[in-house]
C-alpha cells in the first residue's frame, strides 16, 4: 500500500513542482537545431525544429525534458540540456546594440537640444546686448531732451521778458505816434495862423500903402 501511494504521489509531486515554472521564458542554447517532439523521448514524433536562441514558453520541466510552446504555437517536449533560462549572448548583444543605438539617438537628440539651447542663449544674449545699447541710447536721448527742455525753459523766461518789454515798447511807440500826430496837427495849425497873419500883415501894408498914396495925391493936388 505504501509503495502504491509513493507510486501515485511521486508523479503528482513532480507535476506540481514542474508546473510552478509555468510561462517562464527559456532559450535554445548552443549553435544547433533542436527538435520539438510530441513526447519525452526520441521515439516520439518530431513536431518542429528550432534554431539556436529561439525563445520558447516553458510550461513544465523535469530533470530530462521541458514542455514548451514555440513561437509558432507548437506544444511539445525538448531535452532539458538544450534549454537555458539565461538570455543568449547574441540576443544580449543585440539588445545592447539596440540600447546603445537608443542611447546614441538620445545623445544626438540631447546634443541637438543643447545646441538649440546654446543658440537660443546666444540669441538672447545678442537681444540683451541690443536692448542694453538701445537703453543706453534712450538714456542719452532722454538726457539730451531734458537739457533742451531746461534750455527752452530758460529761454522761455527770456522770451516772456522780451514779450513784456516788446509790449511796453509798442505802447511807448503808440504814445509817441500820438504825440507826433498832435505835434503835426499843431504845426499845421501854426503854419495856417502864420500864413493868415502874414496875409493880414501884407493886406494891411497894401491897404496902408494905398491910403498913403491916395493921401499923397490929394496933397499934391492942393499945392
N, C-alpha and C. Protein backbone atom coordinates (compact mmCIF):
# COMPACT_ATOMS: atom_id res chain seq x y z
N UNK A 1 0.82 -1.20 0.00
CA UNK A 1 0.00 0.00 0.00
C UNK A 1 0.87 1.27 0.00
N UNK A 2 1.90 1.27 0.86
CA UNK A 2 2.82 2.40 0.93
C UNK A 2 3.53 2.62 -0.38
N UNK A 3 3.97 1.52 -1.02
CA UNK A 3 4.63 1.63 -2.32
C UNK A 3 3.67 2.18 -3.37
N UNK A 4 2.40 1.77 -3.23
CA UNK A 4 1.40 2.25 -4.19
C UNK A 4 1.20 3.75 -4.06
N UNK A 5 1.15 4.24 -2.79
CA UNK A 5 0.99 5.70 -2.58
C UNK A 5 2.19 6.45 -3.12
N UNK A 6 3.41 5.89 -2.85
CA UNK A 6 4.60 6.55 -3.39
C UNK A 6 4.57 6.58 -4.90
N UNK A 7 4.04 5.51 -5.48
CA UNK A 7 3.97 5.42 -6.93
C UNK A 7 3.01 6.47 -7.48
N UNK A 8 1.90 6.70 -6.73
CA UNK A 8 0.90 7.67 -7.20
C UNK A 8 1.31 9.10 -6.88
N UNK A 9 1.77 9.31 -5.62
CA UNK A 9 2.07 10.68 -5.18
C UNK A 9 3.34 11.25 -5.80
N UNK A 10 4.29 10.34 -6.14
CA UNK A 10 5.55 10.81 -6.69
C UNK A 10 5.37 11.63 -7.96
N UNK A 11 4.68 11.07 -8.96
CA UNK A 11 4.46 11.84 -10.19
C UNK A 11 3.65 13.11 -9.96
N UNK A 12 2.68 13.02 -8.99
CA UNK A 12 1.88 14.21 -8.72
C UNK A 12 2.75 15.34 -8.18
N UNK A 13 3.64 14.98 -7.22
CA UNK A 13 4.55 16.00 -6.68
C UNK A 13 5.45 16.55 -7.77
N UNK A 14 5.90 15.65 -8.64
CA UNK A 14 6.75 16.11 -9.74
C UNK A 14 6.01 17.06 -10.65
N UNK A 15 4.72 16.75 -10.93
CA UNK A 15 3.91 17.62 -11.77
C UNK A 15 3.70 18.97 -11.11
N UNK A 16 3.44 18.93 -9.74
CA UNK A 16 3.23 20.19 -9.01
C UNK A 16 4.49 21.03 -9.03
N UNK A 17 5.65 20.38 -8.83
CA UNK A 17 6.92 21.12 -8.81
C UNK A 17 7.23 21.71 -10.17
N UNK A 18 7.01 20.87 -11.20
CA UNK A 18 7.34 21.35 -12.55
C UNK A 18 6.37 22.42 -13.03
N UNK A 19 5.12 22.37 -12.56
CA UNK A 19 4.12 23.34 -13.02
C UNK A 19 4.35 24.73 -12.42
N UNK A 20 5.21 24.81 -11.37
CA UNK A 20 5.49 26.10 -10.77
C UNK A 20 6.27 27.02 -11.70
N UNK A 21 6.90 26.44 -12.73
CA UNK A 21 7.67 27.23 -13.70
C UNK A 21 6.84 27.60 -14.91
N UNK A 22 5.53 27.67 -14.79
CA UNK A 22 4.63 27.94 -15.91
C UNK A 22 4.87 29.32 -16.53
N UNK A 23 4.87 29.38 -17.87
CA UNK A 23 5.00 30.61 -18.65
C UNK A 23 6.35 31.28 -18.47
N UNK A 24 7.36 30.60 -18.01
CA UNK A 24 8.70 31.18 -17.92
C UNK A 24 9.38 31.04 -19.27
N UNK A 25 10.20 32.02 -19.65
CA UNK A 25 10.84 32.02 -20.96
C UNK A 25 12.20 31.36 -20.88
N UNK A 26 12.47 30.44 -21.83
CA UNK A 26 13.78 29.83 -21.97
C UNK A 26 14.27 29.99 -23.39
N UNK A 27 15.54 29.67 -23.65
CA UNK A 27 16.14 29.86 -24.97
C UNK A 27 16.88 28.61 -25.38
N UNK A 28 16.88 28.36 -26.68
CA UNK A 28 17.64 27.23 -27.22
C UNK A 28 19.11 27.61 -27.17
N UNK A 29 19.88 26.83 -26.46
CA UNK A 29 21.30 27.14 -26.27
C UNK A 29 22.15 26.43 -27.30
N UNK A 30 23.40 26.90 -27.43
CA UNK A 30 24.40 26.35 -28.35
C UNK A 30 23.99 26.56 -29.80
N UNK A 31 24.97 26.35 -30.68
CA UNK A 31 24.75 26.53 -32.09
C UNK A 31 24.28 25.20 -32.69
N UNK A 32 22.96 25.00 -32.69
CA UNK A 32 22.43 23.73 -33.18
C UNK A 32 20.96 23.88 -33.53
N UNK A 33 20.41 22.81 -34.04
CA UNK A 33 18.99 22.72 -34.35
C UNK A 33 18.39 21.70 -33.40
N UNK A 34 17.38 22.14 -32.66
CA UNK A 34 16.77 21.29 -31.64
C UNK A 34 15.38 20.86 -32.12
N UNK A 35 15.08 19.61 -31.87
CA UNK A 35 13.77 19.07 -32.27
C UNK A 35 12.79 19.17 -31.13
N UNK A 36 11.58 19.49 -31.51
CA UNK A 36 10.47 19.52 -30.57
C UNK A 36 9.61 18.29 -30.87
N UNK A 37 9.48 17.41 -29.85
CA UNK A 37 8.77 16.15 -30.06
C UNK A 37 7.46 16.17 -29.29
N UNK A 38 6.62 15.22 -29.68
CA UNK A 38 5.31 15.13 -29.05
C UNK A 38 5.35 14.47 -27.69
N UNK A 39 6.47 13.85 -27.33
CA UNK A 39 6.60 13.19 -26.04
C UNK A 39 8.04 13.23 -25.57
N UNK A 40 8.28 12.68 -24.37
CA UNK A 40 9.61 12.68 -23.77
C UNK A 40 10.39 11.47 -24.27
N UNK A 41 11.10 11.65 -25.34
CA UNK A 41 11.91 10.57 -25.87
C UNK A 41 12.08 10.69 -27.36
N UNK A 42 13.15 10.09 -27.84
CA UNK A 42 13.45 10.17 -29.27
C UNK A 42 12.47 9.38 -30.12
N UNK A 43 11.72 8.51 -29.47
CA UNK A 43 10.78 7.70 -30.22
C UNK A 43 9.51 8.47 -30.61
N UNK A 44 9.32 9.64 -30.00
CA UNK A 44 8.11 10.41 -30.30
C UNK A 44 8.32 11.25 -31.56
N UNK A 45 7.22 11.64 -32.11
CA UNK A 45 7.20 12.36 -33.38
C UNK A 45 7.82 13.75 -33.24
N UNK A 46 8.60 14.11 -34.25
CA UNK A 46 9.18 15.47 -34.31
C UNK A 46 8.11 16.44 -34.83
N UNK A 47 7.76 17.41 -33.99
CA UNK A 47 6.74 18.39 -34.36
C UNK A 47 7.33 19.62 -35.05
N UNK A 48 8.55 20.04 -34.61
CA UNK A 48 9.15 21.26 -35.14
C UNK A 48 10.63 21.27 -34.79
N UNK A 49 11.40 21.98 -35.58
CA UNK A 49 12.82 22.18 -35.26
C UNK A 49 13.07 23.65 -34.98
N UNK A 50 13.92 23.89 -33.96
CA UNK A 50 14.17 25.26 -33.55
C UNK A 50 15.65 25.55 -33.62
N UNK A 51 16.05 26.70 -34.20
CA UNK A 51 17.46 27.06 -34.22
C UNK A 51 17.89 27.66 -32.88
N UNK A 52 19.17 27.87 -32.78
CA UNK A 52 19.74 28.45 -31.56
C UNK A 52 19.12 29.82 -31.27
N UNK A 53 18.92 30.07 -29.96
CA UNK A 53 18.44 31.36 -29.44
C UNK A 53 16.96 31.60 -29.70
N UNK A 54 16.22 30.54 -30.14
CA UNK A 54 14.78 30.70 -30.31
C UNK A 54 14.11 30.75 -28.94
N UNK A 55 13.32 31.78 -28.65
CA UNK A 55 12.63 31.83 -27.36
C UNK A 55 11.43 30.90 -27.35
N UNK A 56 11.26 30.20 -26.27
CA UNK A 56 10.11 29.29 -26.10
C UNK A 56 9.49 29.55 -24.73
N UNK A 57 8.21 29.26 -24.63
CA UNK A 57 7.49 29.41 -23.38
C UNK A 57 7.47 28.08 -22.64
N UNK A 58 8.04 28.08 -21.45
CA UNK A 58 8.16 26.84 -20.67
C UNK A 58 6.87 26.61 -19.89
N UNK A 59 6.29 25.41 -20.11
CA UNK A 59 5.08 25.03 -19.39
C UNK A 59 5.39 24.10 -18.23
N UNK A 60 6.23 23.12 -18.50
CA UNK A 60 6.62 22.16 -17.46
C UNK A 60 8.08 21.81 -17.68
N UNK A 61 8.71 21.29 -16.66
CA UNK A 61 10.09 20.81 -16.80
C UNK A 61 10.40 19.78 -15.71
N UNK A 62 11.27 18.86 -16.09
CA UNK A 62 11.80 17.89 -15.12
C UNK A 62 13.29 17.74 -15.38
N UNK A 63 13.88 16.71 -14.88
CA UNK A 63 15.32 16.53 -15.00
C UNK A 63 15.77 16.23 -16.41
N UNK A 64 14.89 15.72 -17.25
CA UNK A 64 15.31 15.30 -18.59
C UNK A 64 14.68 16.11 -19.71
N UNK A 65 13.45 16.57 -19.52
CA UNK A 65 12.74 17.24 -20.60
C UNK A 65 12.04 18.50 -20.11
N UNK A 66 11.73 19.36 -21.08
CA UNK A 66 10.98 20.59 -20.82
C UNK A 66 9.83 20.65 -21.81
N UNK A 67 8.63 20.89 -21.27
CA UNK A 67 7.47 21.07 -22.14
C UNK A 67 7.35 22.54 -22.47
N UNK A 68 7.28 22.87 -23.78
CA UNK A 68 7.32 24.26 -24.22
C UNK A 68 6.24 24.53 -25.25
N UNK A 69 6.05 25.83 -25.50
CA UNK A 69 5.25 26.29 -26.63
C UNK A 69 6.18 27.15 -27.50
N UNK A 70 6.28 26.80 -28.74
CA UNK A 70 7.18 27.50 -29.65
C UNK A 70 6.54 28.81 -30.13
N UNK A 71 7.32 29.68 -30.77
CA UNK A 71 6.75 30.93 -31.31
C UNK A 71 5.62 30.69 -32.31
N UNK A 72 5.63 29.49 -32.97
CA UNK A 72 4.56 29.18 -33.92
C UNK A 72 3.33 28.59 -33.23
N UNK A 73 3.41 28.38 -31.93
CA UNK A 73 2.27 27.84 -31.19
C UNK A 73 2.32 26.34 -31.01
N UNK A 74 3.41 25.71 -31.43
CA UNK A 74 3.54 24.25 -31.28
C UNK A 74 3.85 23.91 -29.83
N UNK A 75 3.14 22.93 -29.29
CA UNK A 75 3.35 22.50 -27.91
C UNK A 75 4.02 21.11 -27.94
N UNK A 76 5.20 21.03 -27.31
CA UNK A 76 5.92 19.74 -27.35
C UNK A 76 7.03 19.72 -26.32
N UNK A 77 7.92 18.70 -26.45
CA UNK A 77 8.97 18.47 -25.45
C UNK A 77 10.35 18.61 -26.10
N UNK A 78 11.25 19.21 -25.31
CA UNK A 78 12.64 19.37 -25.71
C UNK A 78 13.50 18.84 -24.59
N UNK A 79 14.62 18.22 -24.94
CA UNK A 79 15.53 17.72 -23.91
C UNK A 79 16.02 18.88 -23.04
N UNK A 80 16.11 18.61 -21.77
CA UNK A 80 16.37 19.64 -20.75
C UNK A 80 17.67 20.39 -21.00
N UNK A 81 18.72 19.70 -21.41
CA UNK A 81 20.01 20.36 -21.52
C UNK A 81 20.11 21.28 -22.74
N UNK A 82 19.06 21.27 -23.61
CA UNK A 82 19.05 22.18 -24.74
C UNK A 82 18.38 23.53 -24.42
N UNK A 83 17.79 23.61 -23.27
CA UNK A 83 17.05 24.81 -22.90
C UNK A 83 17.78 25.51 -21.76
N UNK A 84 18.02 26.82 -21.96
CA UNK A 84 18.67 27.63 -20.94
C UNK A 84 17.81 28.86 -20.65
N UNK A 85 17.71 29.18 -19.36
CA UNK A 85 16.93 30.35 -18.98
C UNK A 85 17.76 31.64 -19.06
N UNK A 86 19.03 31.46 -19.29
CA UNK A 86 19.87 32.64 -19.47
C UNK A 86 19.70 33.17 -20.89
N UNK A 87 19.65 34.47 -21.00
CA UNK A 87 19.50 35.07 -22.33
C UNK A 87 20.77 34.83 -23.13
N UNK A 88 20.65 34.29 -24.36
CA UNK A 88 21.84 34.03 -25.19
C UNK A 88 22.64 35.31 -25.44
N UNK A 89 23.94 35.07 -25.65
CA UNK A 89 24.83 36.21 -25.83
C UNK A 89 24.49 37.02 -27.07
N UNK A 90 24.09 36.33 -28.14
CA UNK A 90 23.77 37.08 -29.35
C UNK A 90 22.55 37.98 -29.14
N UNK A 91 21.58 37.49 -28.35
CA UNK A 91 20.42 38.33 -28.04
C UNK A 91 20.82 39.46 -27.11
N UNK A 92 21.68 39.11 -26.13
CA UNK A 92 22.18 40.16 -25.24
C UNK A 92 22.93 41.23 -26.03
N UNK A 93 23.75 40.76 -26.99
CA UNK A 93 24.50 41.70 -27.81
C UNK A 93 23.54 42.57 -28.63
N UNK A 94 22.50 41.90 -29.21
CA UNK A 94 21.53 42.65 -30.00
C UNK A 94 20.80 43.67 -29.13
N UNK A 95 20.42 43.22 -27.92
CA UNK A 95 19.74 44.15 -27.01
C UNK A 95 20.65 45.32 -26.62
N UNK A 96 21.93 44.96 -26.34
CA UNK A 96 22.88 46.01 -26.00
C UNK A 96 23.06 46.97 -27.17
N UNK A 97 23.12 46.40 -28.40
CA UNK A 97 23.24 47.27 -29.57
C UNK A 97 22.04 48.20 -29.69
N UNK A 98 20.84 47.63 -29.46
CA UNK A 98 19.63 48.46 -29.51
C UNK A 98 19.67 49.54 -28.43
N UNK A 99 20.12 49.13 -27.23
CA UNK A 99 20.23 50.12 -26.15
C UNK A 99 21.25 51.20 -26.50
N UNK A 100 22.39 50.75 -27.09
CA UNK A 100 23.42 51.71 -27.48
C UNK A 100 22.89 52.67 -28.55
N UNK A 101 22.17 52.09 -29.55
CA UNK A 101 21.59 52.94 -30.60
C UNK A 101 20.58 53.92 -30.01
N UNK A 102 19.77 53.38 -29.07
CA UNK A 102 18.78 54.26 -28.42
C UNK A 102 19.48 55.37 -27.65
N UNK A 103 20.53 54.99 -26.91
CA UNK A 103 21.28 55.99 -26.15
C UNK A 103 21.97 56.99 -27.08
N UNK A 104 22.50 56.49 -28.20
CA UNK A 104 23.13 57.39 -29.16
C UNK A 104 22.11 58.37 -29.75
N UNK A 105 20.90 57.84 -30.06
CA UNK A 105 19.86 58.71 -30.57
C UNK A 105 19.46 59.75 -29.53
N UNK A 106 19.35 59.27 -28.26
CA UNK A 106 19.03 60.21 -27.19
C UNK A 106 20.15 61.24 -27.03
N UNK A 107 21.40 60.75 -27.16
CA UNK A 107 22.54 61.65 -27.03
C UNK A 107 22.53 62.69 -28.16
N UNK A 108 22.27 62.22 -29.38
CA UNK A 108 22.20 63.14 -30.51
C UNK A 108 21.06 64.15 -30.33
N UNK A 109 19.91 63.59 -29.87
CA UNK A 109 18.79 64.48 -29.62
C UNK A 109 19.13 65.48 -28.52
N UNK A 110 19.83 64.96 -27.47
CA UNK A 110 20.25 65.85 -26.39
C UNK A 110 21.24 66.89 -26.88
N UNK A 111 22.18 66.46 -27.74
CA UNK A 111 23.15 67.42 -28.30
C UNK A 111 22.46 68.47 -29.15
N UNK A 112 21.47 68.00 -29.96
CA UNK A 112 20.73 68.96 -30.78
C UNK A 112 19.95 69.93 -29.89
N UNK A 113 19.32 69.36 -28.83
CA UNK A 113 18.59 70.23 -27.91
C UNK A 113 19.55 71.20 -27.22
N UNK A 114 20.75 70.66 -26.85
CA UNK A 114 21.75 71.52 -26.21
C UNK A 114 22.22 72.60 -27.16
N UNK A 115 22.46 72.21 -28.43
CA UNK A 115 22.89 73.20 -29.43
C UNK A 115 21.81 74.24 -29.64
N UNK A 116 20.54 73.74 -29.70
CA UNK A 116 19.43 74.68 -29.84
C UNK A 116 19.37 75.62 -28.65
N UNK A 117 19.58 75.04 -27.44
CA UNK A 117 19.56 75.88 -26.24
C UNK A 117 20.71 76.88 -26.27
N UNK A 118 21.89 76.42 -26.73
CA UNK A 118 23.04 77.33 -26.82
C UNK A 118 22.75 78.44 -27.82
N UNK A 119 22.15 78.05 -28.98
CA UNK A 119 21.80 79.07 -29.98
C UNK A 119 20.78 80.05 -29.42
N UNK A 120 19.79 79.48 -28.68
CA UNK A 120 18.79 80.36 -28.06
C UNK A 120 19.45 81.30 -27.06
N UNK A 121 20.38 80.74 -26.26
CA UNK A 121 21.08 81.56 -25.27
C UNK A 121 21.87 82.67 -25.97
N UNK A 122 22.57 82.29 -27.06
CA UNK A 122 23.34 83.30 -27.80
C UNK A 122 22.40 84.37 -28.38
N UNK A 123 21.24 83.88 -28.88
CA UNK A 123 20.26 84.84 -29.42
C UNK A 123 19.77 85.77 -28.32
N UNK A 124 19.47 85.18 -27.15
CA UNK A 124 19.02 86.00 -26.03
C UNK A 124 20.11 86.98 -25.60
N UNK A 125 21.36 86.50 -25.58
CA UNK A 125 22.47 87.39 -25.22
C UNK A 125 22.56 88.56 -26.19
N UNK A 126 22.43 88.24 -27.50
CA UNK A 126 22.50 89.29 -28.50
C UNK A 126 21.34 90.26 -28.34
N UNK A 127 20.15 89.71 -28.05
CA UNK A 127 19.00 90.57 -27.83
C UNK A 127 19.21 91.45 -26.60
N UNK A 128 19.79 90.84 -25.54
CA UNK A 128 20.06 91.62 -24.33
C UNK A 128 21.07 92.72 -24.64
N UNK A 129 22.11 92.38 -25.43
CA UNK A 129 23.11 93.39 -25.81
C UNK A 129 22.47 94.51 -26.61
N UNK A 130 21.63 94.12 -27.58
CA UNK A 130 20.94 95.14 -28.40
C UNK A 130 20.04 96.02 -27.53
N UNK A 131 19.30 95.37 -26.62
CA UNK A 131 18.41 96.14 -25.75
C UNK A 131 19.20 97.06 -24.83
N UNK A 132 20.36 96.56 -24.35
CA UNK A 132 21.21 97.40 -23.49
C UNK A 132 21.70 98.62 -24.27
N UNK A 133 22.13 98.39 -25.51
CA UNK A 133 22.56 99.51 -26.34
C UNK A 133 21.42 100.48 -26.59
N UNK A 134 20.23 99.93 -26.88
CA UNK A 134 19.07 100.79 -27.10
C UNK A 134 18.73 101.57 -25.83
N UNK A 135 18.85 100.89 -24.67
CA UNK A 135 18.57 101.56 -23.41
C UNK A 135 19.57 102.69 -23.16
N UNK A 136 20.85 102.40 -23.44
CA UNK A 136 21.87 103.44 -23.28
C UNK A 136 21.59 104.61 -24.22
N UNK A 137 21.25 104.30 -25.47
CA UNK A 137 20.93 105.35 -26.43
C UNK A 137 19.71 106.14 -25.99
N UNK A 138 18.71 105.43 -25.45
CA UNK A 138 17.50 106.11 -24.98
C UNK A 138 17.81 107.02 -23.81
N UNK A 139 18.69 106.56 -22.92
CA UNK A 139 19.07 107.40 -21.79
C UNK A 139 19.79 108.66 -22.27
N UNK A 140 20.71 108.50 -23.24
CA UNK A 140 21.40 109.65 -23.79
C UNK A 140 20.40 110.61 -24.45
N UNK A 141 19.46 110.05 -25.18
CA UNK A 141 18.45 110.88 -25.84
C UNK A 141 17.59 111.59 -24.80
N UNK A 142 17.27 110.87 -23.71
CA UNK A 142 16.49 111.47 -22.64
C UNK A 142 17.26 112.63 -22.00
N UNK A 143 18.56 112.41 -21.76
CA UNK A 143 19.38 113.47 -21.19
C UNK A 143 19.44 114.68 -22.13
N UNK A 144 19.57 114.40 -23.44
CA UNK A 144 19.63 115.50 -24.42
C UNK A 144 18.31 116.27 -24.43
N UNK A 145 17.20 115.52 -24.45
CA UNK A 145 15.90 116.18 -24.46
C UNK A 145 15.68 116.97 -23.18
N UNK A 146 16.11 116.41 -22.04
CA UNK A 146 15.98 117.10 -20.76
C UNK A 146 16.78 118.40 -20.77
N UNK A 147 18.02 118.34 -21.33
CA UNK A 147 18.84 119.54 -21.41
C UNK A 147 18.19 120.58 -22.32
N UNK A 148 17.67 120.12 -23.45
CA UNK A 148 17.00 121.05 -24.35
C UNK A 148 15.77 121.65 -23.68
N UNK A 149 15.07 120.84 -22.91
CA UNK A 149 13.89 121.34 -22.21
C UNK A 149 14.28 122.42 -21.20
N UNK A 150 15.35 122.16 -20.45
CA UNK A 150 15.81 123.16 -19.49
C UNK A 150 16.23 124.44 -20.21
N UNK A 151 16.93 124.25 -21.35
CA UNK A 151 17.36 125.42 -22.12
C UNK A 151 16.16 126.20 -22.63
N UNK A 152 15.19 125.47 -23.18
CA UNK A 152 13.99 126.14 -23.67
C UNK A 152 13.21 126.80 -22.53
N UNK A 153 13.21 126.12 -21.38
CA UNK A 153 12.53 126.71 -20.23
C UNK A 153 13.20 128.01 -19.82
N UNK A 154 14.54 128.01 -19.83
CA UNK A 154 15.27 129.24 -19.50
C UNK A 154 15.01 130.31 -20.55
N UNK A 155 15.01 129.89 -21.82
CA UNK A 155 14.74 130.84 -22.89
C UNK A 155 13.31 131.35 -22.83
N UNK A 156 12.41 130.50 -22.38
CA UNK A 156 11.02 130.93 -22.31
C UNK A 156 10.85 132.08 -21.34
N UNK A 157 11.64 132.03 -20.24
CA UNK A 157 11.61 133.16 -19.31
C UNK A 157 12.08 134.43 -20.01
N UNK A 158 13.18 134.29 -20.78
CA UNK A 158 13.69 135.44 -21.53
C UNK A 158 12.68 135.91 -22.57
N UNK A 159 12.03 134.94 -23.20
CA UNK A 159 11.02 135.29 -24.20
C UNK A 159 9.87 136.03 -23.55
N UNK A 160 9.49 135.58 -22.34
CA UNK A 160 8.42 136.27 -21.62
C UNK A 160 8.82 137.70 -21.28
N UNK A 161 10.08 137.82 -20.82
CA UNK A 161 10.57 139.17 -20.52
C UNK A 161 10.62 140.02 -21.78
N UNK A 162 11.11 139.41 -22.88
CA UNK A 162 11.17 140.14 -24.14
C UNK A 162 9.78 140.51 -24.62
N UNK A 163 8.84 139.60 -24.41
CA UNK A 163 7.47 139.90 -24.82
C UNK A 163 6.90 141.06 -24.03
N UNK A 164 7.19 141.07 -22.72
CA UNK A 164 6.74 142.18 -21.88
C UNK A 164 7.39 143.49 -22.30
N UNK A 165 8.69 143.43 -22.55
CA UNK A 165 9.42 144.62 -23.00
C UNK A 165 8.91 145.09 -24.35
N UNK A 166 8.60 144.12 -25.22
CA UNK A 166 8.08 144.48 -26.54
C UNK A 166 6.72 145.16 -26.42
N UNK A 167 5.88 144.64 -25.53
CA UNK A 167 4.58 145.27 -25.30
C UNK A 167 4.76 146.70 -24.78
N UNK A 168 5.72 146.87 -23.88
CA UNK A 168 5.97 148.20 -23.33
C UNK A 168 6.44 149.16 -24.44
N UNK A 169 7.37 148.64 -25.27
CA UNK A 169 7.86 149.47 -26.37
C UNK A 169 6.76 149.79 -27.37
N UNK A 170 5.90 148.85 -27.62
CA UNK A 170 4.78 149.11 -28.53
C UNK A 170 3.88 150.21 -27.97
N UNK A 171 3.63 150.11 -26.65
CA UNK A 171 2.80 151.14 -26.02
C UNK A 171 3.47 152.50 -26.09
N UNK A 172 4.79 152.53 -25.82
CA UNK A 172 5.52 153.79 -25.92
C UNK A 172 5.49 154.33 -27.35
N UNK A 173 5.66 153.42 -28.30
CA UNK A 173 5.62 153.83 -29.70
C UNK A 173 4.26 154.40 -30.07
N UNK A 174 3.21 153.75 -29.54
CA UNK A 174 1.86 154.26 -29.81
C UNK A 174 1.69 155.66 -29.24
N UNK A 175 2.19 155.84 -27.99
CA UNK A 175 2.09 157.17 -27.38
C UNK A 175 2.90 158.20 -28.16
N UNK A 176 4.10 157.79 -28.59
CA UNK A 176 4.93 158.72 -29.37
C UNK A 176 4.26 159.06 -30.70
N UNK A 177 3.63 158.06 -31.30
CA UNK A 177 2.92 158.33 -32.55
C UNK A 177 1.77 159.31 -32.32
N UNK A 178 1.10 159.11 -31.18
CA UNK A 178 0.01 160.04 -30.86
C UNK A 178 0.53 161.46 -30.66
N UNK A 179 1.65 161.58 -29.92
CA UNK A 179 2.25 162.89 -29.72
C UNK A 179 2.72 163.49 -31.03
N UNK A 180 3.30 162.61 -31.90
CA UNK A 180 3.77 163.10 -33.20
C UNK A 180 2.61 163.62 -34.03
N UNK A 181 1.52 162.90 -34.03
CA UNK A 181 0.34 163.36 -34.77
C UNK A 181 -0.17 164.69 -34.21
N UNK A 182 -0.13 164.75 -32.87
CA UNK A 182 -0.59 166.00 -32.24
C UNK A 182 0.33 167.17 -32.62
N UNK A 183 1.64 166.89 -32.58
CA UNK A 183 2.59 167.94 -32.96
C UNK A 183 2.42 168.33 -34.42
N UNK A 184 2.21 167.36 -35.27
CA UNK A 184 1.99 167.67 -36.68
C UNK A 184 0.74 168.54 -36.85
N UNK A 185 -0.27 168.18 -36.12
CA UNK A 185 -1.51 168.96 -36.23
C UNK A 185 -1.29 170.39 -35.72
N UNK A 186 -0.58 170.48 -34.58
CA UNK A 186 -0.28 171.81 -34.06
C UNK A 186 0.60 172.60 -35.02
N UNK A 187 1.55 171.91 -35.64
CA UNK A 187 2.43 172.58 -36.60
C UNK A 187 1.64 173.09 -37.79
N UNK A 188 0.72 172.24 -38.24
CA UNK A 188 -0.11 172.67 -39.37
C UNK A 188 -0.97 173.88 -38.96
N UNK A 189 -1.50 173.83 -37.76
CA UNK A 189 -2.31 174.97 -37.29
C UNK A 189 -1.45 176.24 -37.17
N UNK A 190 -0.20 176.02 -36.68
CA UNK A 190 0.71 177.16 -36.54
C UNK A 190 1.02 177.78 -37.90
N UNK A 191 1.28 176.89 -38.89
CA UNK A 191 1.54 177.38 -40.23
C UNK A 191 0.34 178.13 -40.77
N UNK A 192 -0.83 177.64 -40.53
CA UNK A 192 -2.04 178.32 -41.01
C UNK A 192 -2.16 179.71 -40.37
N UNK A 193 -1.93 179.71 -39.03
CA UNK A 193 -2.06 181.01 -38.34
C UNK A 193 -0.98 182.00 -38.83
N UNK A 194 0.23 181.53 -39.07
CA UNK A 194 1.29 182.38 -39.60
C UNK A 194 0.94 182.91 -40.98
N UNK A 195 0.41 182.00 -41.79
CA UNK A 195 0.03 182.42 -43.15
C UNK A 195 -1.06 183.48 -43.09
N UNK A 196 -1.99 183.26 -42.17
CA UNK A 196 -3.08 184.25 -42.04
C UNK A 196 -2.52 185.58 -41.55
N UNK A 197 -1.62 185.44 -40.53
CA UNK A 197 -1.03 186.68 -40.01
C UNK A 197 -0.24 187.41 -41.09
N UNK A 198 0.58 186.65 -41.84
CA UNK A 198 1.35 187.28 -42.90
C UNK A 198 0.42 187.83 -43.98
N UNK A 199 -0.62 187.07 -44.25
CA UNK A 199 -1.58 187.56 -45.25
C UNK A 199 -2.23 188.84 -44.78
N UNK A 200 -2.63 188.84 -43.50
CA UNK A 200 -3.26 190.05 -42.95
C UNK A 200 -2.26 191.22 -42.91
N UNK A 201 -1.00 190.83 -42.53
CA UNK A 201 0.02 191.88 -42.49
C UNK A 201 0.27 192.45 -43.90
N UNK A 202 0.37 191.55 -44.86
CA UNK A 202 0.57 192.02 -46.24
C UNK A 202 -0.60 192.87 -46.70
N UNK A 203 -1.82 192.37 -46.36
CA UNK A 203 -3.00 193.13 -46.75
C UNK A 203 -3.02 194.51 -46.08
N UNK A 204 -2.62 194.54 -44.79
CA UNK A 204 -2.58 195.82 -44.05
C UNK A 204 -1.58 196.76 -44.68
N UNK A 205 -0.41 196.21 -45.08
CA UNK A 205 0.61 197.04 -45.70
C UNK A 205 0.10 197.60 -47.01
N UNK A 206 -0.52 196.74 -47.79
CA UNK A 206 -1.06 197.20 -49.08
C UNK A 206 -2.11 198.28 -48.87
N UNK A 207 -2.99 198.01 -47.87
CA UNK A 207 -4.05 198.97 -47.60
C UNK A 207 -3.46 200.30 -47.12
N UNK A 208 -2.45 200.17 -46.25
CA UNK A 208 -1.80 201.37 -45.73
C UNK A 208 -1.10 202.12 -46.86
N UNK A 209 -0.43 201.38 -47.76
CA UNK A 209 0.25 202.00 -48.88
C UNK A 209 -0.76 202.69 -49.80
N UNK A 210 -1.89 202.03 -49.99
CA UNK A 210 -2.91 202.61 -50.87
C UNK A 210 -3.46 203.89 -50.27
N UNK A 211 -3.72 203.83 -48.92
CA UNK A 211 -4.25 205.02 -48.25
C UNK A 211 -3.23 206.15 -48.30
N UNK A 212 -1.96 205.78 -48.03
CA UNK A 212 -0.92 206.80 -48.04
C UNK A 212 -0.74 207.38 -49.46
N UNK A 213 -0.83 206.55 -50.46
CA UNK A 213 -0.69 207.01 -51.83
C UNK A 213 -1.83 207.95 -52.20
N UNK A 214 -3.01 207.59 -51.80
CA UNK A 214 -4.17 208.40 -52.11
C UNK A 214 -4.08 209.73 -51.39
N UNK A 215 -3.63 209.64 -50.12
CA UNK A 215 -3.50 210.87 -49.35
C UNK A 215 -2.42 211.77 -49.97
N UNK A 216 -1.36 211.14 -50.45
CA UNK A 216 -0.27 211.91 -51.06
C UNK A 216 -0.73 212.58 -52.34
N UNK A 217 -1.54 211.96 -53.13
CA UNK A 217 -2.05 212.55 -54.38
C UNK A 217 -2.95 213.74 -54.10
N UNK A 218 -3.78 213.57 -53.04
CA UNK A 218 -4.68 214.66 -52.69
C UNK A 218 -3.87 215.88 -52.23
N UNK A 219 -2.80 215.58 -51.51
CA UNK A 219 -1.97 216.67 -51.00
C UNK A 219 -1.28 217.38 -52.15
N UNK A 220 -0.83 216.64 -53.14
CA UNK A 220 -0.16 217.26 -54.29
C UNK A 220 -1.18 218.15 -55.07
N UNK A 221 -2.40 217.73 -55.13
CA UNK A 221 -3.40 218.48 -55.85
C UNK A 221 -3.63 219.84 -55.21
N UNK A 222 -3.57 219.83 -53.88
CA UNK A 222 -3.79 221.09 -53.16
C UNK A 222 -2.69 222.08 -53.47
N UNK A 223 -1.46 221.58 -53.57
CA UNK A 223 -0.38 222.51 -53.84
C UNK A 223 -0.37 222.94 -55.29
